[in-house]
Amino acid sequence: MKHDEQKSQFDLVEFIRYQYPNILFTISPGGLLTSSRVGGKAKKLGYNPGVPDLIIFEPRGKYHGLFIELKAEKGIISDVQKGWLLKLKSSDYYAVVCFNFNDAVQVLREYLALKKYL
């Protein structure tokens, strides 16, 4: 199942780079932390588990930015991830969970179509 999430994220990043080459974005490195040693070092450097997978630094509408948590079709959102999504939403970020590439593209397009935040 993790492979499906990574494939969707890979495809989404490629889509963004091709369709929206000028937007500012990054990923959360959570899926890359493969050992407890690397994870421990990342935590010391400021990494927090549960941060959504994709972060778009483009304010639109009433939102400061977009956060997308990618899951496989039957993926489960952890309590830590739910907490992050709720906190982000309460801080005027658009934060969503998408269960496949197509849903993520739709969310991204709709978000970027909003009037630029002033």
PDB file of N, CA and C in Angstrom:
ATOM      1  N   MET A   1       0.830  -1.196   0.000  1.00  0.00           N
ATOM      2  CA  MET A   1       0.000   0.000   0.000  1.00  0.00           C
ATOM      3  C   MET A   1       0.877   1.263   0.000  1.00  0.00           C
ATOM      4  N   LYS A   2       1.986   1.240   0.727  1.00  0.00           N
ATOM      5  CA  LYS A   2       2.891   2.386   0.769  1.00  0.00           C
ATOM      6  C   LYS A   2       3.392   2.713  -0.630  1.00  0.00           C
ATOM      7  N   HIS A   3       3.591   1.654  -1.453  1.00  0.00           N
ATOM      8  CA  HIS A   3       4.048   1.868  -2.822  1.00  0.00           C
ATOM      9  C   HIS A   3       3.032   2.701  -3.604  1.00  0.00           C
ATOM     10  N   ASP A   4       1.731   2.431  -3.415  1.00  0.00           N
ATOM     11  CA  ASP A   4       0.690   3.199  -4.111  1.00  0.00           C
ATOM     12  C   ASP A   4       0.742   4.669  -3.711  1.00  0.00           C
ATOM     13  N   GLU A   5       0.960   4.933  -2.433  1.00  0.00           N
ATOM     14  CA  GLU A   5       1.060   6.317  -1.954  1.00  0.00           C
ATOM     15  C   GLU A   5       2.279   6.999  -2.576  1.00  0.00           C
ATOM     16  N   GLN A   6       3.395   6.309  -2.600  1.00  0.00           N
ATOM     17  CA  GLN A   6       4.609   6.890  -3.172  1.00  0.00           C
ATOM     18  C   GLN A   6       4.460   7.130  -4.667  1.00  0.00           C
ATOM     19  N   LYS A   7       3.810   6.206  -5.363  1.00  0.00           N
ATOM     20  CA  LYS A   7       3.573   6.372  -6.807  1.00  0.00           C
ATOM     21  C   LYS A   7       2.687   7.587  -7.052  1.00  0.00           C
ATOM     22  N   SER A   8       1.625   7.745  -6.267  1.00  0.00           N
ATOM     23  CA  SER A   8       0.753   8.918  -6.415  1.00  0.00           C
ATOM     24  C   SER A   8       1.522  10.198  -6.151  1.00  0.00           C
ATOM     25  N   GLN A   9       2.370  10.189  -5.126  1.00  0.00           N
ATOM     26  CA  GLN A   9       3.148  11.390  -4.803  1.00  0.00           C
ATOM     27  C   GLN A   9       4.153  11.694  -5.913  1.00  0.00           C
ATOM     28  N   PHE A  10       4.835  10.679  -6.395  1.00  0.00           N
ATOM     29  CA  PHE A  10       5.777  10.869  -7.499  1.00  0.00           C
ATOM     30  C   PHE A  10       5.065  11.485  -8.696  1.00  0.00           C
ATOM     31  N   ASP A  11       3.905  10.905  -9.068  1.00  0.00           N
ATOM     32  CA  ASP A  11       3.139  11.413 -10.213  1.00  0.00           C
ATOM     33  C   ASP A  11       2.660  12.838  -9.981  1.00  0.00           C
ATOM     34  N   LEU A  12       2.236  13.143  -8.763  1.00  0.00           N
ATOM     35  CA  LEU A  12       1.755  14.485  -8.451  1.00  0.00           C
ATOM     36  C   LEU A  12       2.891  15.506  -8.534  1.00  0.00           C
ATOM     37  N   VAL A  13       4.055  15.166  -8.011  1.00  0.00           N
ATOM     38  CA  VAL A  13       5.203  16.073  -8.083  1.00  0.00           C
ATOM     39  C   VAL A  13       5.597  16.312  -9.536  1.00  0.00           C
ATOM     40  N   GLU A  14       5.611  15.270 -10.346  1.00  0.00           N
ATOM     41  CA  GLU A  14       5.921  15.437 -11.773  1.00  0.00           C
ATOM     42  C   GLU A  14       4.874  16.323 -12.452  1.00  0.00           C
ATOM     43  N   PHE A  15       3.608  16.122 -12.113  1.00  0.00           N
ATOM     44  CA  PHE A  15       2.525  16.948 -12.658  1.00  0.00           C
ATOM     45  C   PHE A  15       2.735  18.422 -12.299  1.00  0.00           C
ATOM     46  N   ILE A  16       3.037  18.685 -11.041  1.00  0.00           N
ATOM     47  CA  ILE A  16       3.257  20.069 -10.597  1.00  0.00           C
ATOM     48  C   ILE A  16       4.438  20.682 -11.339  1.00  0.00           C
ATOM     49  N   ARG A  17       5.520  19.958 -11.416  1.00  0.00           N
ATOM     50  CA  ARG A  17       6.718  20.486 -12.098  1.00  0.00           C
ATOM     51  C   ARG A  17       6.440  20.813 -13.555  1.00  0.00           C
ATOM     52  N   TYR A  18       5.577  20.030 -14.189  1.00  0.00           N
ATOM     53  CA  TYR A  18       5.266  20.250 -15.603  1.00  0.00           C
ATOM     54  C   TYR A  18       4.183  21.312 -15.792  1.00  0.00           C
ATOM     55  N   GLN A  19       3.101  21.223 -15.037  1.00  0.00           N
ATOM     56  CA  GLN A  19       1.950  22.115 -15.223  1.00  0.00           C
ATOM     57  C   GLN A  19       2.099  23.460 -14.501  1.00  0.00           C
ATOM     58  N   TYR A  20       2.784  23.461 -13.378  1.00  0.00           N
ATOM     59  CA  TYR A  20       2.914  24.675 -12.559  1.00  0.00           C
ATOM     60  C   TYR A  20       4.380  24.877 -12.155  1.00  0.00           C
ATOM     61  N   PRO A  21       5.254  25.110 -13.121  1.00  0.00           N
ATOM     62  CA  PRO A  21       6.694  25.151 -12.817  1.00  0.00           C
ATOM     63  C   PRO A  21       7.118  26.289 -11.894  1.00  0.00           C
ATOM     64  N   ASN A  22       6.280  27.281 -11.712  1.00  0.00           N
ATOM     65  CA  ASN A  22       6.686  28.437 -10.910  1.00  0.00           C
ATOM     66  C   ASN A  22       6.141  28.453  -9.486  1.00  0.00           C
ATOM     67  N   ILE A  23       5.359  27.453  -9.106  1.00  0.00           N
ATOM     68  CA  ILE A  23       4.857  27.479  -7.738  1.00  0.00           C
ATOM     69  C   ILE A  23       5.908  26.932  -6.775  1.00  0.00           C
ATOM     70  N   LEU A  24       5.847  27.443  -5.558  1.00  0.00           N
ATOM     71  CA  LEU A  24       6.754  26.991  -4.512  1.00  0.00           C
ATOM     72  C   LEU A  24       6.118  25.819  -3.778  1.00  0.00           C
ATOM     73  N   PHE A  25       6.843  24.709  -3.701  1.00  0.00           N
ATOM     74  CA  PHE A  25       6.333  23.543  -2.990  1.00  0.00           C
ATOM     75  C   PHE A  25       7.487  22.691  -2.514  1.00  0.00           C
ATOM     76  N   THR A  26       7.178  21.808  -1.597  1.00  0.00           N
ATOM     77  CA  THR A  26       8.129  20.813  -1.131  1.00  0.00           C
ATOM     78  C   THR A  26       7.346  19.625  -0.606  1.00  0.00           C
ATOM     79  N   ILE A  27       8.071  18.598  -0.196  1.00  0.00           N
ATOM     80  CA  ILE A  27       7.444  17.426   0.411  1.00  0.00           C
ATOM     81  C   ILE A  27       7.856  17.337   1.865  1.00  0.00           C
ATOM     82  N   SER A  28       7.087  16.598   2.623  1.00  0.00           N
ATOM     83  CA  SER A  28       7.493  16.217   3.968  1.00  0.00           C
ATOM     84  C   SER A  28       8.338  14.951   3.816  1.00  0.00           C
ATOM     85  N   PRO A  29       9.468  14.860   4.492  1.00  0.00           N
ATOM     86  CA  PRO A  29      10.338  13.703   4.292  1.00  0.00           C
ATOM     87  C   PRO A  29       9.929  12.443   5.047  1.00  0.00           C
ATOM     88  N   GLY A  30       8.757  12.433   5.661  1.00  0.00           N
ATOM     89  CA  GLY A  30       8.358  11.308   6.503  1.00  0.00           C
ATOM     90  C   GLY A  30       8.499   9.951   5.849  1.00  0.00           C
ATOM     91  N   GLY A  31       8.096   9.837   4.602  1.00  0.00           N
ATOM     92  CA  GLY A  31       8.185   8.555   3.900  1.00  0.00           C
ATOM     93  C   GLY A  31       9.602   8.127   3.583  1.00  0.00           C
ATOM     94  N   LEU A  32      10.550   9.016   3.748  1.00  0.00           N
ATOM     95  CA  LEU A  32      11.945   8.703   3.438  1.00  0.00           C
ATOM     96  C   LEU A  32      12.761   8.304   4.655  1.00  0.00           C
ATOM     97  N   LEU A  33      12.185   8.453   5.830  1.00  0.00           N
ATOM     98  CA  LEU A  33      12.916   8.149   7.061  1.00  0.00           C
ATOM     99  C   LEU A  33      12.884   6.643   7.291  1.00  0.00           C
ATOM    100  N   THR A  34      13.901   5.968   6.784  1.00  0.00           N
ATOM    101  CA  THR A  34      13.872   4.510   6.710  1.00  0.00           C
ATOM    102  C   THR A  34      14.478   3.787   7.903  1.00  0.00           C
ATOM    103  N   SER A  35      15.169   4.487   8.757  1.00  0.00           N
ATOM    104  CA  SER A  35      15.757   3.821   9.918  1.00  0.00           C
ATOM    105  C   SER A  35      15.527   4.670  11.164  1.00  0.00           C
ATOM    106  N   SER A  36      15.636   4.040  12.318  1.00  0.00           N
ATOM    107  CA  SER A  36      15.440   4.793  13.559  1.00  0.00           C
ATOM    108  C   SER A  36      16.555   5.828  13.740  1.00  0.00           C
ATOM    109  N   ARG A  37      17.741   5.527  13.264  1.00  0.00           N
ATOM    110  CA  ARG A  37      18.856   6.479  13.355  1.00  0.00           C
ATOM    111  C   ARG A  37      18.570   7.729  12.525  1.00  0.00           C
ATOM    112  N   VAL A  38      18.137   7.533  11.290  1.00  0.00           N
ATOM    113  CA  VAL A  38      17.815   8.665  10.421  1.00  0.00           C
ATOM    114  C   VAL A  38      16.608   9.415  10.976  1.00  0.00           C
ATOM    115  N   GLY A  39      15.600   8.682  11.431  1.00  0.00           N
ATOM    116  CA  GLY A  39      14.421   9.312  12.018  1.00  0.00           C
ATOM    117  C   GLY A  39      14.760  10.127  13.251  1.00  0.00           C
ATOM    118  N   GLY A  40      15.640   9.590  14.094  1.00  0.00           N
ATOM    119  CA  GLY A  40      16.062  10.316  15.296  1.00  0.00           C
ATOM    120  C   GLY A  40      16.792  11.598  14.952  1.00  0.00           C
ATOM    121  N   LYS A  41      17.654  11.525  13.953  1.00  0.00           N
ATOM    122  CA  LYS A  41      18.385  12.719  13.522  1.00  0.00           C
ATOM    123  C   LYS A  41      17.416  13.752  12.936  1.00  0.00           C
ATOM    124  N   ALA A  42      16.468  13.286  12.128  1.00  0.00           N
ATOM    125  CA  ALA A  42      15.482  14.193  11.549  1.00  0.00           C
ATOM    126  C   ALA A  42      14.671  14.888  12.632  1.00  0.00           C
ATOM    127  N   LYS A  43      14.295  14.143  13.663  1.00  0.00           N
ATOM    128  CA  LYS A  43      13.524  14.723  14.770  1.00  0.00           C
ATOM    129  C   LYS A  43      14.334  15.800  15.486  1.00  0.00           C
ATOM    130  N   LYS A  44      15.624  15.537  15.714  1.00  0.00           N
ATOM    131  CA  LYS A  44      16.493  16.536  16.334  1.00  0.00           C
ATOM    132  C   LYS A  44      16.617  17.790  15.471  1.00  0.00           C
ATOM    133  N   LEU A  45      16.520  17.602  14.155  1.00  0.00           N
ATOM    134  CA  LEU A  45      16.622  18.732  13.234  1.00  0.00           C
ATOM    135  C   LEU A  45      15.289  19.456  13.022  1.00  0.00           C
ATOM    136  N   GLY A  46      14.220  18.952  13.672  1.00  0.00           N
ATOM    137  CA  GLY A  46      12.943  19.663  13.615  1.00  0.00           C
ATOM    138  C   GLY A  46      11.816  18.954  12.910  1.00  0.00           C
ATOM    139  N   TYR A  47      12.054  17.754  12.394  1.00  0.00           N
ATOM    140  CA  TYR A  47      10.980  17.020  11.739  1.00  0.00           C
ATOM    141  C   TYR A  47       9.919  16.618  12.748  1.00  0.00           C
ATOM    142  N   ASN A  48       8.653  16.725  12.347  1.00  0.00           N
ATOM    143  CA  ASN A  48       7.526  16.297  13.167  1.00  0.00           C
ATOM    144  C   ASN A  48       6.722  15.259  12.402  1.00  0.00           C
ATOM    145  N   PRO A  49       6.479  14.103  12.992  1.00  0.00           N
ATOM    146  CA  PRO A  49       5.665  13.095  12.303  1.00  0.00           C
ATOM    147  C   PRO A  49       4.238  13.587  12.110  1.00  0.00           C
ATOM    148  N   GLY A  50       3.630  13.109  11.028  1.00  0.00           N
ATOM    149  CA  GLY A  50       2.241  13.444  10.753  1.00  0.00           C
ATOM    150  C   GLY A  50       2.043  14.626   9.829  1.00  0.00           C
ATOM    151  N   VAL A  51       3.123  15.359   9.527  1.00  0.00           N
ATOM    152  CA  VAL A  51       3.013  16.493   8.610  1.00  0.00           C
ATOM    153  C   VAL A  51       2.573  15.959   7.247  1.00  0.00           C
ATOM    154  N   PRO A  52       1.591  16.592   6.606  1.00  0.00           N
ATOM    155  CA  PRO A  52       1.133  16.109   5.298  1.00  0.00           C
ATOM    156  C   PRO A  52       2.272  15.987   4.283  1.00  0.00           C
ATOM    157  N   ASP A  53       2.053  15.120   3.315  1.00  0.00           N
ATOM    158  CA  ASP A  53       3.083  14.760   2.342  1.00  0.00           C
ATOM    159  C   ASP A  53       3.550  15.900   1.450  1.00  0.00           C
ATOM    160  N   LEU A  54       2.636  16.736   1.011  1.00  0.00           N
ATOM    161  CA  LEU A  54       2.967  17.783   0.045  1.00  0.00           C
ATOM    162  C   LEU A  54       2.555  19.142   0.598  1.00  0.00           C
ATOM    163  N   ILE A  55       3.457  20.101   0.483  1.00  0.00           N
ATOM    164  CA  ILE A  55       3.213  21.442   1.006  1.00  0.00           C
ATOM    165  C   ILE A  55       3.366  22.437  -0.141  1.00  0.00           C
ATOM    166  N   ILE A  56       2.303  23.180  -0.406  1.00  0.00           N
ATOM    167  CA  ILE A  56       2.292  24.186  -1.467  1.00  0.00           C
ATOM    168  C   ILE A  56       2.328  25.557  -0.800  1.00  0.00           C
ATOM    169  N   PHE A  57       3.380  26.315  -1.055  1.00  0.00           N
ATOM    170  CA  PHE A  57       3.565  27.631  -0.441  1.00  0.00           C
ATOM    171  C   PHE A  57       2.991  28.725  -1.335  1.00  0.00           C
ATOM    172  N   GLU A  58       1.738  28.578  -1.679  1.00  0.00           N
ATOM    173  CA  GLU A  58       1.062  29.546  -2.547  1.00  0.00           C
ATOM    174  C   GLU A  58      -0.249  29.946  -1.889  1.00  0.00           C
ATOM    175  N   PRO A  59      -0.332  31.138  -1.310  1.00  0.00           N
ATOM    176  CA  PRO A  59      -1.591  31.564  -0.696  1.00  0.00           C
ATOM    177  C   PRO A  59      -2.665  31.808  -1.752  1.00  0.00           C
ATOM    178  N   ARG A  60      -3.865  31.359  -1.453  1.00  0.00           N
ATOM    179  CA  ARG A  60      -5.006  31.553  -2.353  1.00  0.00           C
ATOM    180  C   ARG A  60      -6.256  31.732  -1.502  1.00  0.00           C
ATOM    181  N   GLY A  61      -7.189  32.560  -2.011  1.00  0.00           N
ATOM    182  CA  GLY A  61      -8.428  32.779  -1.284  1.00  0.00           C
ATOM    183  C   GLY A  61      -8.123  33.226   0.132  1.00  0.00           C
ATOM    184  N   LYS A  62      -8.735  32.584   1.092  1.00  0.00           N
ATOM    185  CA  LYS A  62      -8.499  32.924   2.499  1.00  0.00           C
ATOM    186  C   LYS A  62      -7.385  32.078   3.116  1.00  0.00           C
ATOM    187  N   TYR A  63      -6.730  31.255   2.305  1.00  0.00           N
ATOM    188  CA  TYR A  63      -5.758  30.289   2.805  1.00  0.00           C
ATOM    189  C   TYR A  63      -4.314  30.753   2.616  1.00  0.00           C
ATOM    190  N   HIS A  64      -3.469  30.375   3.574  1.00  0.00           N
ATOM    191  CA  HIS A  64      -2.049  30.716   3.517  1.00  0.00           C
ATOM    192  C   HIS A  64      -1.258  29.746   2.651  1.00  0.00           C
ATOM    193  N   GLY A  65      -1.795  28.559   2.408  1.00  0.00           N
ATOM    194  CA  GLY A  65      -1.114  27.532   1.628  1.00  0.00           C
ATOM    195  C   GLY A  65      -1.936  26.255   1.622  1.00  0.00           C
ATOM    196  N   LEU A  66      -1.456  25.281   0.854  1.00  0.00           N
ATOM    197  CA  LEU A  66      -2.156  24.012   0.679  1.00  0.00           C
ATOM    198  C   LEU A  66      -1.285  22.861   1.187  1.00  0.00           C
ATOM    199  N   PHE A  67      -1.885  21.964   1.965  1.00  0.00           N
ATOM    200  CA  PHE A  67      -1.221  20.758   2.440  1.00  0.00           C
ATOM    201  C   PHE A  67      -2.039  19.559   1.958  1.00  0.00           C
ATOM    202  N   ILE A  68      -1.374  18.614   1.332  1.00  0.00           N
ATOM    203  CA  ILE A  68      -2.053  17.401   0.859  1.00  0.00           C
ATOM    204  C   ILE A  68      -1.410  16.180   1.499  1.00  0.00           C
ATOM    205  N   GLU A  69      -2.225  15.385   2.168  1.00  0.00           N
ATOM    206  CA  GLU A  69      -1.805  14.077   2.670  1.00  0.00           C
ATOM    207  C   GLU A  69      -2.279  13.051   1.652  1.00  0.00           C
ATOM    208  N   LEU A  70      -1.357  12.310   1.075  1.00  0.00           N
ATOM    209  CA  LEU A  70      -1.701  11.298   0.079  1.00  0.00           C
ATOM    210  C   LEU A  70      -1.806   9.931   0.740  1.00  0.00           C
ATOM    211  N   LYS A  71      -2.869   9.240   0.407  1.00  0.00           N
ATOM    212  CA  LYS A  71      -3.096   7.892   0.918  1.00  0.00           C
ATOM    213  C   LYS A  71      -3.445   6.981  -0.252  1.00  0.00           C
ATOM    214  N   ALA A  72      -3.206   5.691  -0.069  1.00  0.00           N
ATOM    215  CA  ALA A  72      -3.677   4.707  -1.032  1.00  0.00           C
ATOM    216  C   ALA A  72      -5.202   4.646  -0.929  1.00  0.00           C
ATOM    217  N   GLU A  73      -5.834   4.026  -1.900  1.00  0.00           N
ATOM    218  CA  GLU A  73      -7.308   3.979  -1.959  1.00  0.00           C
ATOM    219  C   GLU A  73      -7.946   3.592  -0.626  1.00  0.00           C
ATOM    220  N   LYS A  74      -7.371   2.642   0.075  1.00  0.00           N
ATOM    221  CA  LYS A  74      -7.939   2.191   1.353  1.00  0.00           C
ATOM    222  C   LYS A  74      -7.022   2.558   2.510  1.00  0.00           C
ATOM    223  N   GLY A  75      -6.229   3.610   2.325  1.00  0.00           N
ATOM    224  CA  GLY A  75      -5.286   4.033   3.352  1.00  0.00           C
ATOM    225  C   GLY A  75      -5.990   4.558   4.595  1.00  0.00           C
ATOM    226  N   ILE A  76      -5.286   4.513   5.693  1.00  0.00           N
ATOM    227  CA  ILE A  76      -5.831   4.947   6.978  1.00  0.00           C
ATOM    228  C   ILE A  76      -5.050   6.159   7.460  1.00  0.00           C
ATOM    229  N   ILE A  77      -5.759   7.159   7.921  1.00  0.00           N
ATOM    230  CA  ILE A  77      -5.140   8.380   8.438  1.00  0.00           C
ATOM    231  C   ILE A  77      -4.882   8.167   9.931  1.00  0.00           C
ATOM    232  N   SER A  78      -3.641   8.362  10.342  1.00  0.00           N
ATOM    233  CA  SER A  78      -3.302   8.177  11.752  1.00  0.00           C
ATOM    234  C   SER A  78      -3.849   9.331  12.591  1.00  0.00           C
ATOM    235  N   ASP A  79      -3.916   9.122  13.882  1.00  0.00           N
ATOM    236  CA  ASP A  79      -4.366  10.178  14.792  1.00  0.00           C
ATOM    237  C   ASP A  79      -3.433  11.384  14.732  1.00  0.00           C
ATOM    238  N   VAL A  80      -2.142  11.138  14.592  1.00  0.00           N
ATOM    239  CA  VAL A  80      -1.175  12.238  14.495  1.00  0.00           C
ATOM    240  C   VAL A  80      -1.426  13.044  13.213  1.00  0.00           C
ATOM    241  N   GLN A  81      -1.695  12.358  12.117  1.00  0.00           N
ATOM    242  CA  GLN A  81      -2.006  13.048  10.859  1.00  0.00           C
ATOM    243  C   GLN A  81      -3.309  13.834  10.977  1.00  0.00           C
ATOM    244  N   LYS A  82      -4.313  13.252  11.594  1.00  0.00           N
ATOM    245  CA  LYS A  82      -5.580  13.962  11.809  1.00  0.00           C
ATOM    246  C   LYS A  82      -5.344  15.237  12.618  1.00  0.00           C
ATOM    247  N   GLY A  83      -4.509  15.123  13.639  1.00  0.00           N
ATOM    248  CA  GLY A  83      -4.203  16.290  14.461  1.00  0.00           C
ATOM    249  C   GLY A  83      -3.552  17.397  13.654  1.00  0.00           C
ATOM    250  N   TRP A  84      -2.603  17.045  12.810  1.00  0.00           N
ATOM    251  CA  TRP A  84      -1.962  18.045  11.959  1.00  0.00           C
ATOM    252  C   TRP A  84      -2.972  18.709  11.029  1.00  0.00           C
ATOM    253  N   LEU A  85      -3.818  17.902  10.399  1.00  0.00           N
ATOM    254  CA  LEU A  85      -4.806  18.451   9.463  1.00  0.00           C
ATOM    255  C   LEU A  85      -5.755  19.416  10.167  1.00  0.00           C
ATOM    256  N   LEU A  86      -6.211  19.048  11.352  1.00  0.00           N
ATOM    257  CA  LEU A  86      -7.108  19.934  12.111  1.00  0.00           C
ATOM    258  C   LEU A  86      -6.411  21.232  12.504  1.00  0.00           C
ATOM    259  N   LYS A  87      -5.180  21.140  12.977  1.00  0.00           N
ATOM    260  CA  LYS A  87      -4.422  22.328  13.374  1.00  0.00           C
ATOM    261  C   LYS A  87      -4.172  23.236  12.165  1.00  0.00           C
ATOM    262  N   LEU A  88      -3.807  22.650  11.054  1.00  0.00           N
ATOM    263  CA  LEU A  88      -3.579  23.450   9.845  1.00  0.00           C
ATOM    264  C   LEU A  88      -4.856  24.160   9.408  1.00  0.00           C
ATOM    265  N   LYS A  89      -5.965  23.438   9.407  1.00  0.00           N
ATOM    266  CA  LYS A  89      -7.241  24.039   9.014  1.00  0.00           C
ATOM    267  C   LYS A  89      -7.618  25.188   9.943  1.00  0.00           C
ATOM    268  N   SER A  90      -7.385  25.014  11.228  1.00  0.00           N
ATOM    269  CA  SER A  90      -7.733  26.069  12.183  1.00  0.00           C
ATOM    270  C   SER A  90      -6.782  27.267  12.087  1.00  0.00           C
ATOM    271  N   SER A  91      -5.678  27.094  11.368  1.00  0.00           N
ATOM    272  CA  SER A  91      -4.714  28.179  11.173  1.00  0.00           C
ATOM    273  C   SER A  91      -4.810  28.765   9.764  1.00  0.00           C
ATOM    274  N   ASP A  92      -5.942  28.531   9.097  1.00  0.00           N
ATOM    275  CA  ASP A  92      -6.233  29.078   7.765  1.00  0.00           C
ATOM    276  C   ASP A  92      -5.337  28.537   6.654  1.00  0.00           C
ATOM    277  N   TYR A  93      -5.013  27.249   6.754  1.00  0.00           N
ATOM    278  CA  TYR A  93      -4.390  26.538   5.642  1.00  0.00           C
ATOM    279  C   TYR A  93      -5.432  25.596   5.065  1.00  0.00           C
ATOM    280  N   TYR A  94      -5.339  25.338   3.775  1.00  0.00           N
ATOM    281  CA  TYR A  94      -6.204  24.357   3.146  1.00  0.00           C
ATOM    282  C   TYR A  94      -5.493  23.021   3.289  1.00  0.00           C
ATOM    283  N   ALA A  95      -6.052  22.104   4.042  1.00  0.00           N
ATOM    284  CA  ALA A  95      -5.411  20.834   4.333  1.00  0.00           C
ATOM    285  C   ALA A  95      -6.387  19.698   4.071  1.00  0.00           C
ATOM    286  N   VAL A  96      -5.986  18.778   3.202  1.00  0.00           N
ATOM    287  CA  VAL A  96      -6.879  17.702   2.779  1.00  0.00           C
ATOM    288  C   VAL A  96      -6.145  16.372   2.696  1.00  0.00           C
ATOM    289  N   VAL A  97      -6.937  15.317   2.673  1.00  0.00           N
ATOM    290  CA  VAL A  97      -6.437  13.982   2.390  1.00  0.00           C
ATOM    291  C   VAL A  97      -6.968  13.584   1.022  1.00  0.00           C
ATOM    292  N   CYS A  98      -6.088  13.084   0.173  1.00  0.00           N
ATOM    293  CA  CYS A  98      -6.481  12.589  -1.142  1.00  0.00           C
ATOM    294  C   CYS A  98      -6.107  11.117  -1.230  1.00  0.00           C
ATOM    295  N   PHE A  99      -6.998  10.314  -1.794  1.00  0.00           N
ATOM    296  CA  PHE A  99      -6.792   8.875  -1.833  1.00  0.00           C
ATOM    297  C   PHE A  99      -6.318   8.357  -3.187  1.00  0.00           C
ATOM    298  N   ASN A 100      -5.982   9.271  -4.086  1.00  0.00           N
ATOM    299  CA  ASN A 100      -5.346   8.874  -5.345  1.00  0.00           C
ATOM    300  C   ASN A 100      -4.846  10.114  -6.081  1.00  0.00           C
ATOM    301  N   PHE A 101      -4.087   9.892  -7.106  1.00  0.00           N
ATOM    302  CA  PHE A 101      -3.489  10.964  -7.892  1.00  0.00           C
ATOM    303  C   PHE A 101      -4.545  11.900  -8.472  1.00  0.00           C
ATOM    304  N   ASN A 102      -5.605  11.353  -9.058  1.00  0.00           N
ATOM    305  CA  ASN A 102      -6.620  12.183  -9.710  1.00  0.00           C
ATOM    306  C   ASN A 102      -7.307  13.128  -8.728  1.00  0.00           C
ATOM    307  N   ASP A 103      -7.613  12.640  -7.528  1.00  0.00           N
ATOM    308  CA  ASP A 103      -8.215  13.505  -6.513  1.00  0.00           C
ATOM    309  C   ASP A 103      -7.259  14.627  -6.131  1.00  0.00           C
ATOM    310  N   ALA A 104      -5.983  14.308  -6.002  1.00  0.00           N
ATOM    311  CA  ALA A 104      -4.987  15.318  -5.636  1.00  0.00           C
ATOM    312  C   ALA A 104      -4.858  16.378  -6.723  1.00  0.00           C
ATOM    313  N   VAL A 105      -4.875  15.969  -7.972  1.00  0.00           N
ATOM    314  CA  VAL A 105      -4.802  16.930  -9.079  1.00  0.00           C
ATOM    315  C   VAL A 105      -6.018  17.839  -9.073  1.00  0.00           C
ATOM    316  N   GLN A 106      -7.187  17.281  -8.834  1.00  0.00           N
ATOM    317  CA  GLN A 106      -8.407  18.082  -8.785  1.00  0.00           C
ATOM    318  C   GLN A 106      -8.337  19.113  -7.660  1.00  0.00           C
ATOM    319  N   VAL A 107      -7.909  18.690  -6.471  1.00  0.00           N
ATOM    320  CA  VAL A 107      -7.768  19.608  -5.335  1.00  0.00           C
ATOM    321  C   VAL A 107      -6.765  20.701  -5.675  1.00  0.00           C
ATOM    322  N   LEU A 108      -5.631  20.325  -6.228  1.00  0.00           N
ATOM    323  CA  LEU A 108      -4.600  21.290  -6.581  1.00  0.00           C
ATOM    324  C   LEU A 108      -5.116  22.312  -7.592  1.00  0.00           C
ATOM    325  N   ARG A 109      -5.768  21.858  -8.634  1.00  0.00           N
ATOM    326  CA  ARG A 109      -6.310  22.769  -9.660  1.00  0.00           C
ATOM    327  C   ARG A 109      -7.339  23.730  -9.066  1.00  0.00           C
ATOM    328  N   GLU A 110      -8.257  23.187  -8.261  1.00  0.00           N
ATOM    329  CA  GLU A 110      -9.279  24.035  -7.653  1.00  0.00           C
ATOM    330  C   GLU A 110      -8.651  25.052  -6.701  1.00  0.00           C
ATOM    331  N   TYR A 111      -7.672  24.630  -5.941  1.00  0.00           N
ATOM    332  CA  TYR A 111      -7.005  25.536  -5.009  1.00  0.00           C
ATOM    333  C   TYR A 111      -6.272  26.645  -5.762  1.00  0.00           C
ATOM    334  N   LEU A 112      -5.488  26.283  -6.756  1.00  0.00           N
ATOM    335  CA  LEU A 112      -4.706  27.289  -7.485  1.00  0.00           C
ATOM    336  C   LEU A 112      -5.584  28.209  -8.330  1.00  0.00           C
ATOM    337  N   ALA A 113      -6.817  27.799  -8.606  1.00  0.00           N
ATOM    338  CA  ALA A 113      -7.755  28.644  -9.346  1.00  0.00           C
ATOM    339  C   ALA A 113      -8.369  29.739  -8.462  1.00  0.00           C
ATOM    340  N   LEU A 114      -8.243  29.602  -7.144  1.00  0.00           N
ATOM    341  CA  LEU A 114      -8.759  30.635  -6.244  1.00  0.00           C
ATOM    342  C   LEU A 114      -7.985  31.924  -6.459  1.00  0.00           C
ATOM    343  N   LYS A 115      -8.632  33.033  -6.166  1.00  0.00           N
ATOM    344  CA  LYS A 115      -7.975  34.325  -6.284  1.00  0.00           C
ATOM    345  C   LYS A 115      -6.762  34.368  -5.356  1.00  0.00           C
ATOM    346  N   LYS A 116      -5.685  34.972  -5.838  1.00  0.00           N
ATOM    347  CA  LYS A 116      -4.483  35.055  -5.021  1.00  0.00           C
ATOM    348  C   LYS A 116      -4.768  35.817  -3.744  1.00  0.00           C
ATOM    349  N   TYR A 117      -4.224  35.295  -2.675  1.00  0.00           N
ATOM    350  CA  TYR A 117      -4.356  35.874  -1.327  1.00  0.00           C
ATOM    351  C   TYR A 117      -3.589  37.186  -1.273  1.00  0.00           C
ATOM    352  N   LEU A 118      -4.221  38.199  -0.709  1.00  0.00           N
ATOM    353  CA  LEU A 118      -3.537  39.511  -0.621  1.00  0.00           C
ATOM    354  C   LEU A 118      -3.047  39.767   0.759  1.00  0.00           C
TER     355      LEU A 118
END
